[in-house]
Amino acid sequence: MKVLSAAVTGHVATHEAGAIEYTGHKVLTVPQYLGKLKASDVKELVDTFYNDANHEHMVFPGMVYISHPTEYGTLLYKRRIKRNLRCMSCL
C-alpha cells in the first residue's frame, strides 16, 4: 500500500478518494498554491512519516498527484515540474 500525495484541492483528494483507496492506496493532502504543490511541502510530509517511530506500521509515501491544468486553471510548466522532481528525488 502506498500513499498518494495531492493538493488539498486535487481532484483525487476530493472526488476520487474512494476509488483510490479501494485499490489499496491512501490519499494524503498537502497545501496548495493556486492548485500547485511545493516540493518542500511534499518533503515535509515524507520527513514527518520517517520521523514517526511507528512508520513501519503505516502506509508508505510513494506517489504525487498533479493535474494539468490544476483545479484552479493554473498551468504547469515543464521547467517547474522538472525542478520539483529534482527536489523530490533527493528525498
PDB file of N, CA and C in Angstrom:
ATOM      1  N   MET A   1       0.839  -1.169   0.000  1.00  0.00           N
ATOM      2  CA  MET A   1       0.000   0.000   0.000  1.00  0.00           C
ATOM      3  C   MET A   1       0.887   1.237   0.000  1.00  0.00           C
ATOM      4  N   LYS A   2       0.543   2.203  -0.809  1.00  0.00           N
ATOM      5  CA  LYS A   2       1.307   3.448  -0.912  1.00  0.00           C
ATOM      6  C   LYS A   2       0.401   4.632  -0.633  1.00  0.00           C
ATOM      7  N   VAL A   3       1.026   5.728  -0.207  1.00  0.00           N
ATOM      8  CA  VAL A   3       0.333   6.990  -0.015  1.00  0.00           C
ATOM      9  C   VAL A   3       0.468   7.814  -1.283  1.00  0.00           C
ATOM     10  N   LEU A   4      -0.623   8.386  -1.718  1.00  0.00           N
ATOM     11  CA  LEU A   4      -0.647   9.319  -2.827  1.00  0.00           C
ATOM     12  C   LEU A   4      -0.760  10.706  -2.230  1.00  0.00           C
ATOM     13  N   SER A   5       0.220  11.576  -2.491  1.00  0.00           N
ATOM     14  CA  SER A   5       0.180  12.959  -2.024  1.00  0.00           C
ATOM     15  C   SER A   5      -0.479  13.805  -3.091  1.00  0.00           C
ATOM     16  N   ALA A   6      -1.403  14.649  -2.674  1.00  0.00           N
ATOM     17  CA  ALA A   6      -2.120  15.502  -3.616  1.00  0.00           C
ATOM     18  C   ALA A   6      -2.403  16.840  -2.953  1.00  0.00           C
ATOM     19  N   ALA A   7      -2.581  17.875  -3.767  1.00  0.00           N
ATOM     20  CA  ALA A   7      -3.013  19.167  -3.234  1.00  0.00           C
ATOM     21  C   ALA A   7      -4.369  18.981  -2.567  1.00  0.00           C
ATOM     22  N   VAL A   8      -4.613  19.741  -1.535  1.00  0.00           N
ATOM     23  CA  VAL A   8      -5.873  19.634  -0.810  1.00  0.00           C
ATOM     24  C   VAL A   8      -7.061  19.846  -1.750  1.00  0.00           C
ATOM     25  N   THR A   9      -6.851  20.556  -2.838  1.00  0.00           N
ATOM     26  CA  THR A   9      -7.911  20.806  -3.815  1.00  0.00           C
ATOM     27  C   THR A   9      -7.875  19.824  -4.981  1.00  0.00           C
ATOM     28  N   GLY A  10      -6.925  18.904  -4.983  1.00  0.00           N
ATOM     29  CA  GLY A  10      -6.766  17.965  -6.087  1.00  0.00           C
ATOM     30  C   GLY A  10      -7.980  17.075  -6.286  1.00  0.00           C
ATOM     31  N   HIS A  11      -8.295  16.809  -7.526  1.00  0.00           N
ATOM     32  CA  HIS A  11      -9.470  16.002  -7.867  1.00  0.00           C
ATOM     33  C   HIS A  11      -9.458  14.652  -7.151  1.00  0.00           C
ATOM     34  N   VAL A  12      -8.304  14.004  -7.094  1.00  0.00           N
ATOM     35  CA  VAL A  12      -8.250  12.689  -6.448  1.00  0.00           C
ATOM     36  C   VAL A  12      -8.461  12.780  -4.950  1.00  0.00           C
ATOM     37  N   ALA A  13      -8.218  13.950  -4.363  1.00  0.00           N
ATOM     38  CA  ALA A  13      -8.412  14.117  -2.923  1.00  0.00           C
ATOM     39  C   ALA A  13      -9.855  14.459  -2.578  1.00  0.00           C
ATOM     40  N   THR A  14     -10.575  15.046  -3.532  1.00  0.00           N
ATOM     41  CA  THR A  14     -11.926  15.500  -3.225  1.00  0.00           C
ATOM     42  C   THR A  14     -13.019  14.660  -3.871  1.00  0.00           C
ATOM     43  N   HIS A  15     -12.755  14.086  -5.042  1.00  0.00           N
ATOM     44  CA  HIS A  15     -13.800  13.370  -5.763  1.00  0.00           C
ATOM     45  C   HIS A  15     -13.498  11.888  -6.020  1.00  0.00           C
ATOM     46  N   GLU A  16     -12.244  11.520  -5.982  1.00  0.00           N
ATOM     47  CA  GLU A  16     -11.869  10.153  -6.337  1.00  0.00           C
ATOM     48  C   GLU A  16     -11.225   9.378  -5.197  1.00  0.00           C
ATOM     49  N   ALA A  17     -11.218   9.928  -3.995  1.00  0.00           N
ATOM     50  CA  ALA A  17     -10.510   9.272  -2.890  1.00  0.00           C
ATOM     51  C   ALA A  17     -11.012   7.851  -2.657  1.00  0.00           C
ATOM     52  N   GLY A  18     -12.312   7.641  -2.771  1.00  0.00           N
ATOM     53  CA  GLY A  18     -12.855   6.291  -2.576  1.00  0.00           C
ATOM     54  C   GLY A  18     -12.309   5.309  -3.590  1.00  0.00           C
ATOM     55  N   ALA A  19     -12.196   5.741  -4.857  1.00  0.00           N
ATOM     56  CA  ALA A  19     -11.661   4.863  -5.901  1.00  0.00           C
ATOM     57  C   ALA A  19     -10.186   4.567  -5.660  1.00  0.00           C
ATOM     58  N   ILE A  20      -9.444   5.571  -5.251  1.00  0.00           N
ATOM     59  CA  ILE A  20      -8.008   5.388  -4.978  1.00  0.00           C
ATOM     60  C   ILE A  20      -7.838   4.435  -3.795  1.00  0.00           C
ATOM     61  N   GLU A  21      -8.564   4.684  -2.736  1.00  0.00           N
ATOM     62  CA  GLU A  21      -8.414   3.858  -1.538  1.00  0.00           C
ATOM     63  C   GLU A  21      -8.970   2.456  -1.743  1.00  0.00           C
ATOM     64  N   TYR A  22      -9.929   2.296  -2.631  1.00  0.00           N
ATOM     65  CA  TYR A  22     -10.452   0.970  -2.944  1.00  0.00           C
ATOM     66  C   TYR A  22      -9.355   0.088  -3.549  1.00  0.00           C
ATOM     67  N   THR A  23      -8.418   0.699  -4.262  1.00  0.00           N
ATOM     68  CA  THR A  23      -7.333  -0.068  -4.886  1.00  0.00           C
ATOM     69  C   THR A  23      -6.166  -0.299  -3.932  1.00  0.00           C
ATOM     70  N   GLY A  24      -6.327   0.103  -2.666  1.00  0.00           N
ATOM     71  CA  GLY A  24      -5.302  -0.185  -1.676  1.00  0.00           C
ATOM     72  C   GLY A  24      -4.329   0.937  -1.406  1.00  0.00           C
ATOM     73  N   HIS A  25      -4.621   2.130  -1.879  1.00  0.00           N
ATOM     74  CA  HIS A  25      -3.751   3.281  -1.636  1.00  0.00           C
ATOM     75  C   HIS A  25      -4.471   4.270  -0.730  1.00  0.00           C
ATOM     76  N   LYS A  26      -3.722   5.187  -0.161  1.00  0.00           N
ATOM     77  CA  LYS A  26      -4.285   6.217   0.702  1.00  0.00           C
ATOM     78  C   LYS A  26      -3.934   7.577   0.122  1.00  0.00           C
ATOM     79  N   VAL A  27      -4.855   8.528   0.237  1.00  0.00           N
ATOM     80  CA  VAL A  27      -4.614   9.891  -0.247  1.00  0.00           C
ATOM     81  C   VAL A  27      -4.368  10.795   0.957  1.00  0.00           C
ATOM     82  N   LEU A  28      -3.210  11.439   0.987  1.00  0.00           N
ATOM     83  CA  LEU A  28      -2.903  12.455   1.992  1.00  0.00           C
ATOM     84  C   LEU A  28      -2.708  13.773   1.263  1.00  0.00           C
ATOM     85  N   THR A  29      -3.231  14.833   1.836  1.00  0.00           N
ATOM     86  CA  THR A  29      -3.158  16.122   1.162  1.00  0.00           C
ATOM     87  C   THR A  29      -2.056  16.997   1.736  1.00  0.00           C
ATOM     88  N   VAL A  30      -1.565  17.870   0.891  1.00  0.00           N
ATOM     89  CA  VAL A  30      -0.607  18.906   1.277  1.00  0.00           C
ATOM     90  C   VAL A  30      -1.205  20.236   0.831  1.00  0.00           C
ATOM     91  N   PRO A  31      -0.713  21.354   1.385  1.00  0.00           N
ATOM     92  CA  PRO A  31      -1.248  22.659   0.996  1.00  0.00           C
ATOM     93  C   PRO A  31      -1.128  22.889  -0.514  1.00  0.00           C
ATOM     94  N   GLN A  32      -1.989  23.765  -1.028  1.00  0.00           N
ATOM     95  CA  GLN A  32      -1.944  24.100  -2.447  1.00  0.00           C
ATOM     96  C   GLN A  32      -1.732  25.596  -2.604  1.00  0.00           C
ATOM     97  N   TYR A  33      -1.143  25.959  -3.705  1.00  0.00           N
ATOM     98  CA  TYR A  33      -0.879  27.349  -4.052  1.00  0.00           C
ATOM     99  C   TYR A  33      -1.385  27.537  -5.478  1.00  0.00           C
ATOM    100  N   LEU A  34      -2.624  28.041  -5.603  1.00  0.00           N
ATOM    101  CA  LEU A  34      -3.310  28.113  -6.893  1.00  0.00           C
ATOM    102  C   LEU A  34      -3.378  26.734  -7.535  1.00  0.00           C
ATOM    103  N   GLY A  35      -3.550  25.714  -6.704  1.00  0.00           N
ATOM    104  CA  GLY A  35      -3.670  24.351  -7.179  1.00  0.00           C
ATOM    105  C   GLY A  35      -2.354  23.617  -7.335  1.00  0.00           C
ATOM    106  N   LYS A  36      -1.252  24.319  -7.173  1.00  0.00           N
ATOM    107  CA  LYS A  36       0.072  23.697  -7.341  1.00  0.00           C
ATOM    108  C   LYS A  36       0.624  23.229  -6.003  1.00  0.00           C
ATOM    109  N   LEU A  37       1.501  22.257  -6.080  1.00  0.00           N
ATOM    110  CA  LEU A  37       2.210  21.748  -4.903  1.00  0.00           C
ATOM    111  C   LEU A  37       3.590  22.377  -4.832  1.00  0.00           C
ATOM    112  N   LYS A  38       4.139  22.416  -3.637  1.00  0.00           N
ATOM    113  CA  LYS A  38       5.542  22.788  -3.463  1.00  0.00           C
ATOM    114  C   LYS A  38       6.298  21.539  -3.036  1.00  0.00           C
ATOM    115  N   ALA A  39       7.459  21.345  -3.622  1.00  0.00           N
ATOM    116  CA  ALA A  39       8.282  20.188  -3.270  1.00  0.00           C
ATOM    117  C   ALA A  39       8.586  20.183  -1.775  1.00  0.00           C
ATOM    118  N   SER A  40       8.750  21.357  -1.185  1.00  0.00           N
ATOM    119  CA  SER A  40       9.063  21.434   0.248  1.00  0.00           C
ATOM    120  C   SER A  40       7.916  20.886   1.100  1.00  0.00           C
ATOM    121  N   ASP A  41       6.675  21.060   0.657  1.00  0.00           N
ATOM    122  CA  ASP A  41       5.548  20.517   1.416  1.00  0.00           C
ATOM    123  C   ASP A  41       5.490  18.992   1.309  1.00  0.00           C
ATOM    124  N   VAL A  42       5.800  18.478   0.134  1.00  0.00           N
ATOM    125  CA  VAL A  42       5.841  17.018  -0.037  1.00  0.00           C
ATOM    126  C   VAL A  42       6.992  16.447   0.796  1.00  0.00           C
ATOM    127  N   LYS A  43       8.128  17.139   0.789  1.00  0.00           N
ATOM    128  CA  LYS A  43       9.274  16.695   1.585  1.00  0.00           C
ATOM    129  C   LYS A  43       8.920  16.681   3.067  1.00  0.00           C
ATOM    130  N   GLU A  44       8.198  17.692   3.523  1.00  0.00           N
ATOM    131  CA  GLU A  44       7.786  17.735   4.926  1.00  0.00           C
ATOM    132  C   GLU A  44       6.889  16.550   5.268  1.00  0.00           C
ATOM    133  N   LEU A  45       5.980  16.197   4.370  1.00  0.00           N
ATOM    134  CA  LEU A  45       5.108  15.036   4.586  1.00  0.00           C
ATOM    135  C   LEU A  45       5.954  13.764   4.709  1.00  0.00           C
ATOM    136  N   VAL A  46       6.941  13.608   3.832  1.00  0.00           N
ATOM    137  CA  VAL A  46       7.800  12.414   3.859  1.00  0.00           C
ATOM    138  C   VAL A  46       8.669  12.413   5.119  1.00  0.00           C
ATOM    139  N   ASP A  47       9.232  13.568   5.469  1.00  0.00           N
ATOM    140  CA  ASP A  47      10.061  13.655   6.681  1.00  0.00           C
ATOM    141  C   ASP A  47       9.245  13.318   7.923  1.00  0.00           C
ATOM    142  N   THR A  48       8.035  13.844   8.004  1.00  0.00           N
ATOM    143  CA  THR A  48       7.162  13.557   9.145  1.00  0.00           C
ATOM    144  C   THR A  48       6.894  12.062   9.237  1.00  0.00           C
ATOM    145  N   PHE A  49       6.670  11.433   8.093  1.00  0.00           N
ATOM    146  CA  PHE A  49       6.436   9.990   8.054  1.00  0.00           C
ATOM    147  C   PHE A  49       7.637   9.236   8.627  1.00  0.00           C
ATOM    148  N   TYR A  50       8.842   9.502   8.106  1.00  0.00           N
ATOM    149  CA  TYR A  50      10.016   8.736   8.525  1.00  0.00           C
ATOM    150  C   TYR A  50      10.472   9.075   9.943  1.00  0.00           C
ATOM    151  N   ASN A  51      10.089  10.236  10.459  1.00  0.00           N
ATOM    152  CA  ASN A  51      10.443  10.591  11.835  1.00  0.00           C
ATOM    153  C   ASN A  51       9.478  10.009  12.857  1.00  0.00           C
ATOM    154  N   ASP A  52       8.407   9.418  12.401  1.00  0.00           N
ATOM    155  CA  ASP A  52       7.457   8.767  13.299  1.00  0.00           C
ATOM    156  C   ASP A  52       8.020   7.396  13.675  1.00  0.00           C
ATOM    157  N   ALA A  53       8.122   7.144  14.965  1.00  0.00           N
ATOM    158  CA  ALA A  53       8.702   5.873  15.431  1.00  0.00           C
ATOM    159  C   ALA A  53       7.912   4.661  14.946  1.00  0.00           C
ATOM    160  N   ASN A  54       6.664   4.848  14.593  1.00  0.00           N
ATOM    161  CA  ASN A  54       5.819   3.738  14.156  1.00  0.00           C
ATOM    162  C   ASN A  54       5.665   3.660  12.645  1.00  0.00           C
ATOM    163  N   HIS A  55       6.523   4.322  11.889  1.00  0.00           N
ATOM    164  CA  HIS A  55       6.322   4.398  10.434  1.00  0.00           C
ATOM    165  C   HIS A  55       6.330   3.032   9.747  1.00  0.00           C
ATOM    166  N   GLU A  56       6.978   2.050  10.353  1.00  0.00           N
ATOM    167  CA  GLU A  56       6.991   0.716   9.742  1.00  0.00           C
ATOM    168  C   GLU A  56       5.593   0.102   9.674  1.00  0.00           C
ATOM    169  N   HIS A  57       4.685   0.622  10.476  1.00  0.00           N
ATOM    170  CA  HIS A  57       3.324   0.082  10.539  1.00  0.00           C
ATOM    171  C   HIS A  57       2.314   0.986   9.839  1.00  0.00           C
ATOM    172  N   MET A  58       2.806   1.934   9.055  1.00  0.00           N
ATOM    173  CA  MET A  58       1.943   2.895   8.366  1.00  0.00           C
ATOM    174  C   MET A  58       2.100   2.738   6.854  1.00  0.00           C
ATOM    175  N   VAL A  59       1.169   3.309   6.099  1.00  0.00           N
ATOM    176  CA  VAL A  59       1.302   3.287   4.643  1.00  0.00           C
ATOM    177  C   VAL A  59       2.433   4.219   4.235  1.00  0.00           C
ATOM    178  N   PHE A  60       3.244   3.750   3.288  1.00  0.00           N
ATOM    179  CA  PHE A  60       4.435   4.493   2.878  1.00  0.00           C
ATOM    180  C   PHE A  60       4.126   5.500   1.774  1.00  0.00           C
ATOM    181  N   PRO A  61       4.729   6.698   1.842  1.00  0.00           N
ATOM    182  CA  PRO A  61       4.573   7.652   0.744  1.00  0.00           C
ATOM    183  C   PRO A  61       5.194   7.076  -0.522  1.00  0.00           C
ATOM    184  N   GLY A  62       4.537   7.256  -1.655  1.00  0.00           N
ATOM    185  CA  GLY A  62       5.097   6.680  -2.862  1.00  0.00           C
ATOM    186  C   GLY A  62       4.689   7.347  -4.160  1.00  0.00           C
ATOM    187  N   MET A  63       3.692   8.257  -4.131  1.00  0.00           N
ATOM    188  CA  MET A  63       3.228   8.880  -5.372  1.00  0.00           C
ATOM    189  C   MET A  63       2.849  10.330  -5.100  1.00  0.00           C
ATOM    190  N   VAL A  64       2.936  11.133  -6.144  1.00  0.00           N
ATOM    191  CA  VAL A  64       2.478  12.516  -6.079  1.00  0.00           C
ATOM    192  C   VAL A  64       1.524  12.734  -7.247  1.00  0.00           C
ATOM    193  N   TYR A  65       0.357  13.289  -6.955  1.00  0.00           N
ATOM    194  CA  TYR A  65      -0.650  13.561  -7.987  1.00  0.00           C
ATOM    195  C   TYR A  65      -0.540  15.024  -8.420  1.00  0.00           C
ATOM    196  N   ILE A  66      -0.430  15.243  -9.713  1.00  0.00           N
ATOM    197  CA  ILE A  66      -0.525  16.596 -10.255  1.00  0.00           C
ATOM    198  C   ILE A  66      -1.555  16.579 -11.378  1.00  0.00           C
ATOM    199  N   SER A  67      -2.245  17.668 -11.534  1.00  0.00           N
ATOM    200  CA  SER A  67      -3.203  17.766 -12.628  1.00  0.00           C
ATOM    201  C   SER A  67      -2.859  18.990 -13.470  1.00  0.00           C
ATOM    202  N   HIS A  68      -3.085  18.870 -14.758  1.00  0.00           N
ATOM    203  CA  HIS A  68      -2.747  19.952 -15.685  1.00  0.00           C
ATOM    204  C   HIS A  68      -3.894  20.169 -16.653  1.00  0.00           C
ATOM    205  N   PRO A  69      -4.534  21.301 -16.618  1.00  0.00           N
ATOM    206  CA  PRO A  69      -4.332  22.395 -15.667  1.00  0.00           C
ATOM    207  C   PRO A  69      -4.820  21.989 -14.281  1.00  0.00           C
ATOM    208  N   THR A  70      -4.439  22.785 -13.283  1.00  0.00           N
ATOM    209  CA  THR A  70      -4.884  22.492 -11.925  1.00  0.00           C
ATOM    210  C   THR A  70      -6.378  22.755 -11.824  1.00  0.00           C
ATOM    211  N   GLU A  71      -6.953  22.409 -10.692  1.00  0.00           N
ATOM    212  CA  GLU A  71      -8.382  22.634 -10.476  1.00  0.00           C
ATOM    213  C   GLU A  71      -8.728  24.124 -10.476  1.00  0.00           C
ATOM    214  N   TYR A  72      -7.715  24.985 -10.358  1.00  0.00           N
ATOM    215  CA  TYR A  72      -7.913  26.438 -10.440  1.00  0.00           C
ATOM    216  C   TYR A  72      -7.683  26.965 -11.849  1.00  0.00           C
ATOM    217  N   GLY A  73      -7.272  26.090 -12.761  1.00  0.00           N
ATOM    218  CA  GLY A  73      -6.973  26.530 -14.119  1.00  0.00           C
ATOM    219  C   GLY A  73      -5.530  26.979 -14.293  1.00  0.00           C
ATOM    220  N   THR A  74      -4.739  26.860 -13.242  1.00  0.00           N
ATOM    221  CA  THR A  74      -3.332  27.239 -13.305  1.00  0.00           C
ATOM    222  C   THR A  74      -2.584  26.248 -14.182  1.00  0.00           C
ATOM    223  N   LEU A  75      -1.715  26.764 -15.023  1.00  0.00           N
ATOM    224  CA  LEU A  75      -0.934  25.899 -15.902  1.00  0.00           C
ATOM    225  C   LEU A  75       0.382  25.522 -15.256  1.00  0.00           C
ATOM    226  N   LEU A  76       0.841  24.334 -15.546  1.00  0.00           N
ATOM    227  CA  LEU A  76       2.134  23.859 -15.071  1.00  0.00           C
ATOM    228  C   LEU A  76       3.119  23.922 -16.230  1.00  0.00           C
ATOM    229  N   TYR A  77       4.326  24.249 -15.924  1.00  0.00           N
ATOM    230  CA  TYR A  77       5.352  24.348 -16.957  1.00  0.00           C
ATOM    231  C   TYR A  77       6.408  23.274 -16.738  1.00  0.00           C
ATOM    232  N   LYS A  78       6.869  22.707 -17.834  1.00  0.00           N
ATOM    233  CA  LYS A  78       7.838  21.615 -17.809  1.00  0.00           C
ATOM    234  C   LYS A  78       9.045  21.963 -16.945  1.00  0.00           C
ATOM    235  N   ARG A  79       9.527  23.185 -17.050  1.00  0.00           N
ATOM    236  CA  ARG A  79      10.704  23.640 -16.295  1.00  0.00           C
ATOM    237  C   ARG A  79      10.464  23.491 -14.795  1.00  0.00           C
ATOM    238  N   ARG A  80       9.290  23.932 -14.335  1.00  0.00           N
ATOM    239  CA  ARG A  80       8.987  23.866 -12.901  1.00  0.00           C
ATOM    240  C   ARG A  80       8.777  22.424 -12.444  1.00  0.00           C
ATOM    241  N   ILE A  81       8.111  21.637 -13.263  1.00  0.00           N
ATOM    242  CA  ILE A  81       7.898  20.227 -12.907  1.00  0.00           C
ATOM    243  C   ILE A  81       9.251  19.531 -12.776  1.00  0.00           C
ATOM    244  N   LYS A  82      10.167  19.774 -13.715  1.00  0.00           N
ATOM    245  CA  LYS A  82      11.497  19.153 -13.642  1.00  0.00           C
ATOM    246  C   LYS A  82      12.226  19.584 -12.386  1.00  0.00           C
ATOM    247  N   ARG A  83      12.133  20.871 -12.031  1.00  0.00           N
ATOM    248  CA  ARG A  83      12.808  21.365 -10.834  1.00  0.00           C
ATOM    249  C   ARG A  83      12.239  20.694  -9.590  1.00  0.00           C
ATOM    250  N   ASN A  84      10.908  20.570  -9.515  1.00  0.00           N
ATOM    251  CA  ASN A  84      10.292  19.906  -8.370  1.00  0.00           C
ATOM    252  C   ASN A  84      10.648  18.419  -8.312  1.00  0.00           C
ATOM    253  N   LEU A  85      10.734  17.775  -9.461  1.00  0.00           N
ATOM    254  CA  LEU A  85      11.133  16.363  -9.476  1.00  0.00           C
ATOM    255  C   LEU A  85      12.542  16.187  -8.969  1.00  0.00           C
ATOM    256  N   ARG A  86      13.432  17.108  -9.338  1.00  0.00           N
ATOM    257  CA  ARG A  86      14.809  17.038  -8.824  1.00  0.00           C
ATOM    258  C   ARG A  86      14.810  17.178  -7.313  1.00  0.00           C
ATOM    259  N   CYS A  87      14.014  18.106  -6.793  1.00  0.00           N
ATOM    260  CA  CYS A  87      13.929  18.291  -5.335  1.00  0.00           C
ATOM    261  C   CYS A  87      13.381  17.051  -4.670  1.00  0.00           C
ATOM    262  N   MET A  88      12.355  16.444  -5.258  1.00  0.00           N
ATOM    263  CA  MET A  88      11.729  15.273  -4.651  1.00  0.00           C
ATOM    264  C   MET A  88      12.594  14.030  -4.772  1.00  0.00           C
ATOM    265  N   SER A  89      13.429  13.959  -5.792  1.00  0.00           N
ATOM    266  CA  SER A  89      14.286  12.773  -5.947  1.00  0.00           C
ATOM    267  C   SER A  89      15.344  12.725  -4.859  1.00  0.00           C
ATOM    268  N   CYS A  90      15.581  13.843  -4.187  1.00  0.00           N
ATOM    269  CA  CYS A  90      16.548  13.870  -3.082  1.00  0.00           C
ATOM    270  C   CYS A  90      15.952  13.336  -1.810  1.00  0.00           C
ATOM    271  N   LEU A  91      14.649  13.049  -1.825  1.00  0.00           N
ATOM    272  CA  LEU A  91      14.002  12.543  -0.617  1.00  0.00           C
ATOM    273  C   LEU A  91      14.551  11.215  -0.324  1.00  0.00           C
TER     274      LEU A  91
END
